[in-house]
Amino acid sequence: MSSVSRVEDIFLAALQKGTPEDRAAYLEEACKDDPELRRRVERLLEAHPRAGSFLENPVVPPGETTDTCVLSGEPVGRVIAGRYKLLEEIGEGGMGTVWVAEQIEPVRRKVALKLIKAGMDSKAVLARFEAERQALALMDHPNIAKVLDGGVTEQGRPFFVMEYVKGVPLTEYCDDARLTVEERLRLFLPVCQAVQHAHQKGIVHRDLKPSNILVCLYDGKPVPKVIDFGLAKAMHQPLSERTLHTAHGVMLGTPLYMSPEQAELNNLDLDTRTDVYSLGVILYELLTGTTPLEKQRFKEVAWQEMLRLIKEESPPRPSTRLSSTATSPSIAAQRQMEPVKLSRRLRTEVFRRLDHRPPSRTTNHRRRGRNETVSSRVLS
């Protein structure tokens, strides 16, 4: 891989870190023993002051709306490709922005429009953007956001248009609605089926987490939708005609939800099992109110220690985690159960899905041979 590609890969990965401290820790590991590489990446970061966590950080300052400020240089009301009117920016990351837009013709409807930022049209960014668009285009499942259109702006910047999913993260919806354990499992099942569909299409998501599973209401019924295939990997055919590299040592994914093999940072041997592991982490959080590795602990440790925890530390059993937290009464109340009863129920749920070792390839072949689904692997 060329030095330019490596600089771009590390730069793009650094943009996904939520705080300057996280970015510094990441660069310390990714650029160790290569101060010139780090200087080149830092120069790119300095020229890109709005580095943030894509689709997670607030875009508009408190007290302001898109009517009072212009975001990322894109004016509200601008029409893209003659038929998509930008209404409100709802997400921003290192490579692009996501907007609620109004489709003007041939039908009028609200859509989500993802647009590459001006000046972010490097080969690596364009390849990743094309890969996400193609991954979504392969999908045809009611629980995966659909891609509707795509093209380039008058300025030559690629965009694509998706179904607008107006929802809230899966865990947030379940807690706000005070869903029981059974109701949470029923809502989680179509998520597993959606991921199974992606796997059957040869696509690994690689960044499954509650904020990438939005719950919206259709005719009064909650429907989960899997979104954001920006880190998707094709297992068979390439997703882009452009060369798509992932440099050794670049972390792809969200640490709290990633599998131990993702934390190896070589990205060479990742397959569907990494998504199954992430689904297990999400299910753990749905049932216990916390992730297997505590969020606060991740904030307090150095980069190398974070990777070690992901790779080596076995998660506590859900019942143990619940009984050891001071908030267990409120967590149980959100699930309409007494703490003791919830703890008893959790003793038989989830844990075996979070074994640190991925099942052997022989075992995986046996599973495929008997048509075992993602839902059965996570929920059984």
Protein backbone atom coordinates (compact mmCIF):
# COMPACT_ATOMS: atom_id res chain seq x y z
CA MET A 1 0.00 0.00 0.00
CA SER A 2 1.26 3.47 -0.87
CA SER A 3 2.17 5.95 1.87
CA VAL A 4 -0.59 8.25 0.58
CA SER A 5 -3.22 5.54 1.05
CA ARG A 6 -1.95 4.81 4.56
CA VAL A 7 -2.10 8.50 5.50
CA GLU A 8 -5.66 8.71 4.18
CA ASP A 9 -6.78 5.57 6.03
CA ILE A 10 -5.35 6.73 9.35
CA PHE A 11 -6.75 10.24 8.82
CA LEU A 12 -10.25 8.90 8.13
CA ALA A 13 -10.10 6.57 11.14
CA ALA A 14 -8.92 9.44 13.36
CA LEU A 15 -11.88 11.54 12.27
CA GLN A 16 -14.21 8.96 13.79
CA LYS A 17 -12.77 9.44 17.29
CA GLY A 18 -15.10 11.41 19.51
CA THR A 19 -12.60 13.56 21.44
CA PRO A 20 -9.14 15.07 20.87
CA GLU A 21 -7.82 12.74 23.58
CA ASP A 22 -9.17 9.68 21.76
CA ARG A 23 -7.64 10.89 18.49
CA ALA A 24 -4.26 11.49 20.13
CA ALA A 25 -4.29 8.02 21.69
CA TYR A 26 -5.22 6.48 18.37
CA LEU A 27 -2.44 8.32 16.51
CA GLU A 28 0.05 7.27 19.16
CA GLU A 29 -0.70 3.63 18.34
CA ALA A 30 -1.31 3.88 14.58
CA CYS A 31 1.79 6.00 13.88
CA LYS A 32 4.22 4.59 16.42
CA ASP A 33 7.84 4.63 15.27
CA ASP A 34 6.88 6.84 12.30
CA PRO A 35 6.86 10.52 13.36
CA GLU A 36 6.68 11.73 9.76
CA LEU A 37 3.50 9.72 9.18
CA ARG A 38 1.97 11.22 12.30
CA ARG A 39 2.92 14.76 11.24
CA ARG A 40 1.25 14.25 7.86
CA VAL A 41 -1.94 12.96 9.46
CA GLU A 42 -1.97 15.76 12.03
CA ARG A 43 -1.64 18.36 9.27
CA LEU A 44 -4.75 16.92 7.62
CA LEU A 45 -6.61 16.97 10.94
CA GLU A 46 -5.61 20.59 11.58
CA ALA A 47 -7.01 21.51 8.18
CA HIS A 48 -10.24 19.73 9.06
CA PRO A 49 -11.38 21.37 12.32
CA ARG A 50 -14.83 19.85 12.40
CA ALA A 51 -13.61 16.29 12.92
CA GLY A 52 -16.29 14.38 14.77
CA SER A 53 -18.12 11.12 15.25
CA PHE A 54 -20.31 10.51 12.22
CA LEU A 55 -24.05 10.59 12.92
CA GLU A 56 -23.49 10.81 16.69
CA ASN A 57 -22.34 14.31 17.66
CA PRO A 58 -24.83 17.22 17.69
CA VAL A 59 -24.55 19.21 14.51
CA VAL A 60 -26.30 22.44 15.49
CA PRO A 61 -25.11 24.41 18.54
CA PRO A 62 -27.63 24.60 21.43
CA GLY A 63 -30.19 27.31 20.88
CA GLU A 64 -29.69 27.41 17.12
CA THR A 65 -31.45 25.68 14.26
CA THR A 66 -30.71 25.20 10.63
CA ASP A 67 -32.77 28.34 10.04
CA THR A 68 -30.20 30.43 11.94
CA CYS A 69 -26.93 28.86 10.86
CA VAL A 70 -25.46 27.30 7.75
CA LEU A 71 -23.72 23.97 8.26
CA SER A 72 -20.74 22.57 6.39
CA GLY A 73 -21.05 25.22 3.70
CA GLU A 74 -24.32 23.77 2.37
CA PRO A 75 -27.17 26.30 2.41
CA VAL A 76 -30.58 25.13 3.57
CA GLY A 77 -32.86 25.15 0.55
CA ARG A 78 -30.18 24.24 -1.97
CA VAL A 79 -31.48 21.86 -4.65
CA ILE A 80 -29.28 18.87 -5.49
CA ALA A 81 -29.43 17.37 -8.99
CA GLY A 82 -32.53 19.40 -9.76
CA ARG A 83 -34.84 17.32 -7.57
CA TYR A 84 -33.67 17.15 -3.93
CA LYS A 85 -34.14 20.23 -1.75
CA LEU A 86 -31.96 20.27 1.39
CA LEU A 87 -34.09 20.86 4.50
CA GLU A 88 -32.01 20.03 7.58
CA GLU A 89 -28.60 18.57 8.30
CA ILE A 90 -28.94 15.62 10.66
CA GLY A 91 -25.45 14.13 10.64
CA GLU A 92 -21.86 15.05 9.96
CA GLY A 93 -18.67 13.05 9.90
CA GLY A 94 -15.19 13.17 8.53
CA MET A 95 -16.18 12.38 4.96
CA GLY A 96 -19.69 13.67 4.47
CA THR A 97 -22.96 15.05 5.73
CA VAL A 98 -26.44 13.57 5.91
CA TRP A 99 -29.48 15.73 5.23
CA VAL A 100 -33.22 15.47 5.41
CA ALA A 101 -34.24 16.51 1.92
CA GLU A 102 -37.48 16.90 0.03
CA GLN A 103 -37.69 15.02 -3.23
CA ILE A 104 -39.43 17.34 -5.66
CA GLU A 105 -40.02 15.01 -8.61
CA PRO A 106 -41.31 12.64 -9.87
CA VAL A 107 -42.96 12.32 -6.43
CA ARG A 108 -42.81 14.58 -3.39
CA ARG A 109 -41.50 12.92 -0.23
CA LYS A 110 -38.90 13.30 2.48
CA VAL A 111 -35.67 11.39 1.97
CA ALA A 112 -32.22 11.19 3.54
CA LEU A 113 -29.40 12.46 1.32
CA LYS A 114 -25.74 11.67 2.00
CA LEU A 115 -23.25 14.04 0.39
CA ILE A 116 -19.45 13.99 0.30
CA LYS A 117 -17.92 17.16 1.72
CA ALA A 118 -16.17 19.61 -0.55
CA GLY A 119 -12.48 18.76 -0.75
CA MET A 120 -12.95 15.23 0.62
CA ASP A 121 -12.87 13.54 -2.79
CA SER A 122 -9.70 11.50 -2.37
CA LYS A 123 -9.56 8.01 -3.86
CA ALA A 124 -9.98 6.41 -0.44
CA VAL A 125 -13.06 8.48 0.43
CA LEU A 126 -14.69 7.97 -2.96
CA ALA A 127 -14.08 4.22 -2.76
CA ARG A 128 -15.63 4.00 0.71
CA PHE A 129 -18.59 6.15 -0.37
CA GLU A 130 -19.22 4.00 -3.45
CA ALA A 131 -18.93 0.86 -1.35
CA GLU A 132 -21.61 2.04 1.08
CA ARG A 133 -23.96 2.99 -1.75
CA GLN A 134 -23.47 -0.37 -3.47
CA ALA A 135 -23.91 -2.31 -0.22
CA LEU A 136 -27.27 -0.61 0.37
CA ALA A 137 -28.30 -1.15 -3.25
CA LEU A 138 -27.87 -4.90 -2.77
CA MET A 139 -30.34 -4.96 0.12
CA ASP A 140 -34.04 -5.67 -0.17
CA HIS A 141 -35.31 -6.12 3.36
CA PRO A 142 -38.01 -4.24 5.31
CA ASN A 143 -35.65 -3.73 8.25
CA ILE A 144 -32.78 -2.19 6.26
CA ALA A 145 -32.93 1.41 5.04
CA LYS A 146 -33.33 1.40 1.26
CA VAL A 147 -31.18 3.31 -1.20
CA LEU A 148 -33.38 5.18 -3.69
CA ASP A 149 -31.11 7.16 -5.98
CA GLY A 150 -27.61 8.46 -6.49
CA GLY A 151 -25.50 10.71 -8.67
CA VAL A 152 -23.19 13.69 -8.59
CA THR A 153 -23.89 17.35 -7.89
CA GLU A 154 -23.24 20.13 -10.38
CA GLN A 155 -19.88 20.55 -8.62
CA GLY A 156 -19.02 16.90 -9.20
CA ARG A 157 -19.53 15.70 -5.61
CA PRO A 158 -21.10 12.24 -5.26
CA PHE A 159 -24.31 11.77 -3.29
CA PHE A 160 -26.85 9.09 -2.72
CA VAL A 161 -30.44 9.15 -1.51
CA MET A 162 -31.90 6.79 1.06
CA GLU A 163 -35.20 6.11 2.71
CA TYR A 164 -35.60 8.66 5.52
CA VAL A 165 -35.76 6.76 8.80
CA LYS A 166 -37.15 9.06 11.49
CA GLY A 167 -36.47 7.00 14.56
CA VAL A 168 -34.56 6.65 17.81
CA PRO A 169 -31.78 4.21 18.73
CA LEU A 170 -32.97 0.72 19.64
CA THR A 171 -31.92 0.79 23.30
CA GLU A 172 -33.37 4.27 23.82
CA TYR A 173 -36.72 3.26 22.35
CA CYS A 174 -36.94 0.10 24.48
CA ASP A 175 -36.15 1.99 27.70
CA ASP A 176 -38.48 4.91 26.96
CA ALA A 177 -41.32 2.50 26.13
CA ARG A 178 -40.52 0.33 29.19
CA LEU A 179 -40.59 -2.82 27.10
CA THR A 180 -40.50 -6.16 28.87
CA VAL A 181 -37.77 -8.71 28.19
CA GLU A 182 -40.11 -10.60 25.85
CA GLU A 183 -41.04 -7.42 23.97
CA ARG A 184 -37.37 -6.50 23.59
CA LEU A 185 -36.57 -9.93 22.20
CA ARG A 186 -39.46 -9.70 19.73
CA LEU A 187 -38.25 -6.29 18.54
CA PHE A 188 -34.68 -7.55 18.29
CA LEU A 189 -35.59 -10.57 16.14
CA PRO A 190 -36.15 -8.60 12.89
CA VAL A 191 -32.79 -6.88 13.47
CA CYS A 192 -31.14 -10.30 13.40
CA GLN A 193 -33.13 -11.19 10.29
CA ALA A 194 -31.97 -7.98 8.59
CA VAL A 195 -28.33 -8.76 9.37
CA GLN A 196 -28.90 -12.31 8.13
CA HIS A 197 -30.17 -10.83 4.85
CA ALA A 198 -27.03 -8.71 4.52
CA HIS A 199 -24.87 -11.79 5.13
CA GLN A 200 -26.76 -13.73 2.47
CA LYS A 201 -25.94 -10.87 0.10
CA GLY A 202 -22.27 -11.27 1.04
CA ILE A 203 -22.08 -8.10 3.17
CA VAL A 204 -20.65 -7.73 6.68
CA HIS A 205 -21.81 -4.51 8.38
CA ARG A 206 -18.84 -4.17 10.83
CA ASP A 207 -20.39 -1.32 12.86
CA LEU A 208 -23.57 -2.65 14.43
CA LYS A 209 -24.59 -0.64 17.50
CA PRO A 210 -27.83 0.83 18.90
CA SER A 211 -27.40 4.17 17.09
CA ASN A 212 -27.20 2.28 13.79
CA ILE A 213 -30.49 0.50 14.53
CA LEU A 214 -33.30 3.05 14.58
CA VAL A 215 -36.85 2.27 15.68
CA CYS A 216 -39.66 4.13 13.93
CA LEU A 217 -43.42 3.75 14.11
CA TYR A 218 -45.45 2.48 11.16
CA ASP A 219 -49.21 2.41 11.76
CA GLY A 220 -48.44 2.65 15.46
CA LYS A 221 -46.14 -0.38 15.49
CA PRO A 222 -42.39 -0.18 16.21
CA VAL A 223 -40.18 -1.23 13.30
CA PRO A 224 -36.38 -1.39 13.63
CA LYS A 225 -34.23 -0.33 10.67
CA VAL A 226 -30.53 -1.07 10.25
CA ILE A 227 -28.68 1.94 8.82
CA ASP A 228 -25.15 3.18 8.00
CA PHE A 229 -23.25 0.62 5.94
CA GLY A 230 -20.30 3.02 5.71
CA LEU A 231 -17.86 0.38 7.02
CA ALA A 232 -19.41 -2.57 5.20
CA LYS A 233 -17.17 -5.29 3.82
CA ALA A 234 -17.96 -7.55 0.88
CA MET A 235 -17.10 -11.20 1.41
CA HIS A 236 -17.17 -12.12 -2.26
CA GLN A 237 -17.46 -9.43 -4.95
CA PRO A 238 -15.92 -5.93 -4.59
CA LEU A 239 -18.35 -3.15 -3.69
CA SER A 240 -16.48 -0.49 -5.64
CA GLU A 241 -14.59 -0.36 -8.91
CA ARG A 242 -12.05 1.78 -7.07
CA THR A 243 -9.42 0.06 -4.95
CA LEU A 244 -10.64 -0.04 -1.35
CA HIS A 245 -7.81 -0.44 1.18
CA THR A 246 -7.93 -0.74 4.93
CA ALA A 247 -4.47 -0.12 6.31
CA HIS A 248 -2.99 -2.45 8.89
CA GLY A 249 -3.43 -0.93 12.34
CA VAL A 250 -6.55 1.08 11.45
CA MET A 251 -9.53 0.42 13.71
CA LEU A 252 -12.88 0.16 11.96
CA GLY A 253 -15.97 0.05 14.12
CA THR A 254 -17.07 1.21 17.55
CA PRO A 255 -14.94 -0.22 20.38
CA LEU A 256 -17.78 -0.92 22.84
CA TYR A 257 -19.57 -3.11 20.30
CA MET A 258 -16.75 -4.61 18.26
CA SER A 259 -15.65 -8.22 18.31
CA PRO A 260 -12.23 -9.27 19.65
CA GLU A 261 -11.06 -10.10 16.12
CA GLN A 262 -11.86 -6.52 15.03
CA ALA A 263 -9.54 -5.28 17.77
CA GLU A 264 -6.67 -7.19 16.17
CA LEU A 265 -6.58 -4.27 13.68
CA ASN A 266 -5.59 -6.35 10.65
CA ASN A 267 -9.16 -6.58 9.24
CA LEU A 268 -8.07 -9.54 7.11
CA ASP A 269 -10.08 -12.38 8.62
CA LEU A 270 -13.35 -10.67 9.51
CA ASP A 271 -16.51 -12.46 8.44
CA THR A 272 -20.16 -12.68 9.49
CA ARG A 273 -19.20 -13.81 12.99
CA THR A 274 -18.04 -10.30 13.86
CA ASP A 275 -21.59 -8.99 13.25
CA VAL A 276 -23.05 -11.84 15.32
CA TYR A 277 -20.78 -10.85 18.21
CA SER A 278 -21.88 -7.20 17.94
CA LEU A 279 -25.52 -8.29 17.97
CA GLY A 280 -24.79 -10.21 21.16
CA VAL A 281 -23.35 -7.05 22.74
CA ILE A 282 -26.46 -5.08 21.74
CA LEU A 283 -28.72 -7.78 23.16
CA TYR A 284 -26.70 -7.75 26.39
CA GLU A 285 -27.30 -4.00 26.64
CA LEU A 286 -30.98 -4.34 25.80
CA LEU A 287 -31.46 -6.75 28.69
CA THR A 288 -29.05 -5.38 31.31
CA GLY A 289 -28.95 -1.66 30.56
CA THR A 290 -25.17 -1.68 30.06
CA THR A 291 -22.57 -3.07 27.69
CA PRO A 292 -20.38 -6.09 28.59
CA LEU A 293 -17.36 -3.78 28.93
CA GLU A 294 -18.39 -0.70 30.89
CA LYS A 295 -18.49 2.60 29.01
CA GLN A 296 -16.93 4.58 31.84
CA ARG A 297 -14.03 2.16 32.03
CA PHE A 298 -13.32 2.67 28.33
CA LYS A 299 -13.13 6.41 28.89
CA GLU A 300 -10.50 6.00 31.58
CA VAL A 301 -8.01 3.64 29.93
CA ALA A 302 -5.31 4.20 27.33
CA TRP A 303 -5.69 3.08 23.73
CA GLN A 304 -3.59 -0.09 24.10
CA GLU A 305 -5.47 -1.11 27.24
CA MET A 306 -8.78 -0.61 25.45
CA LEU A 307 -7.68 -2.99 22.71
CA ARG A 308 -6.50 -5.51 25.29
CA LEU A 309 -9.84 -5.40 27.11
CA ILE A 310 -11.74 -6.04 23.89
CA LYS A 311 -9.50 -8.95 22.91
CA GLU A 312 -8.91 -10.63 26.25
CA GLU A 313 -11.41 -9.75 28.96
CA SER A 314 -14.38 -12.06 29.35
CA PRO A 315 -17.62 -10.17 30.00
CA PRO A 316 -19.46 -10.78 33.27
CA ARG A 317 -22.65 -12.76 33.04
CA PRO A 318 -25.67 -10.50 32.52
CA SER A 319 -27.17 -11.52 35.86
CA THR A 320 -23.86 -10.74 37.61
CA ARG A 321 -23.60 -7.34 35.94
CA LEU A 322 -27.18 -6.48 36.88
CA SER A 323 -26.79 -7.49 40.53
CA SER A 324 -23.55 -5.52 40.88
CA THR A 325 -24.88 -2.18 39.68
CA ALA A 326 -26.51 0.38 41.94
CA THR A 327 -29.07 1.21 39.26
CA SER A 328 -30.49 -2.33 39.04
CA PRO A 329 -33.90 -1.29 40.51
CA SER A 330 -34.43 1.34 37.80
CA ILE A 331 -33.11 -1.00 35.08
CA ALA A 332 -35.53 -3.71 36.22
CA ALA A 333 -38.38 -1.20 36.41
CA GLN A 334 -37.78 -0.21 32.78
CA ARG A 335 -38.31 -3.89 31.95
CA GLN A 336 -41.39 -4.16 34.22
CA MET A 337 -39.78 -6.73 36.50
CA GLU A 338 -38.40 -6.99 40.01
CA PRO A 339 -34.57 -6.98 40.12
CA VAL A 340 -34.41 -10.53 41.50
CA LYS A 341 -36.72 -11.90 38.81
CA LEU A 342 -34.86 -10.08 36.04
CA SER A 343 -31.53 -11.37 37.32
CA ARG A 344 -32.90 -14.91 37.37
CA ARG A 345 -34.16 -14.52 33.80
CA LEU A 346 -30.83 -13.23 32.58
CA ARG A 347 -28.92 -16.25 33.87
CA THR A 348 -30.03 -18.17 30.78
CA GLU A 349 -29.82 -15.34 28.22
CA VAL A 350 -27.07 -13.90 26.04
CA PHE A 351 -23.87 -15.06 27.73
CA ARG A 352 -22.90 -17.90 25.44
CA ARG A 353 -23.26 -15.55 22.46
CA LEU A 354 -20.40 -13.49 23.91
CA ASP A 355 -17.72 -16.18 24.07
CA HIS A 356 -14.52 -14.39 23.05
CA ARG A 357 -13.45 -17.07 20.61
CA PRO A 358 -15.33 -17.08 17.30
CA PRO A 359 -16.69 -20.53 16.43
CA SER A 360 -14.35 -22.61 14.31
CA ARG A 361 -14.76 -22.55 10.56
CA THR A 362 -15.72 -26.24 10.72
CA THR A 363 -18.48 -25.36 13.17
CA ASN A 364 -19.52 -22.47 10.94
CA HIS A 365 -19.83 -24.79 7.94
CA ARG A 366 -21.97 -27.17 9.98
CA ARG A 367 -24.21 -24.27 10.97
CA ARG A 368 -24.63 -23.17 7.37
CA GLY A 369 -25.28 -26.76 6.40
CA ARG A 370 -28.29 -26.91 8.65
CA ASN A 371 -29.38 -23.37 7.67
CA GLU A 372 -28.85 -21.87 11.10
CA THR A 373 -29.82 -18.21 11.04
CA VAL A 374 -28.26 -15.18 12.68
CA SER A 375 -31.27 -14.94 15.00
CA SER A 376 -30.86 -18.53 16.17
CA ARG A 377 -27.14 -17.95 16.76
CA VAL A 378 -27.77 -14.82 18.84
CA LEU A 379 -31.02 -15.67 20.58
CA SER A 380 -30.72 -19.42 21.11
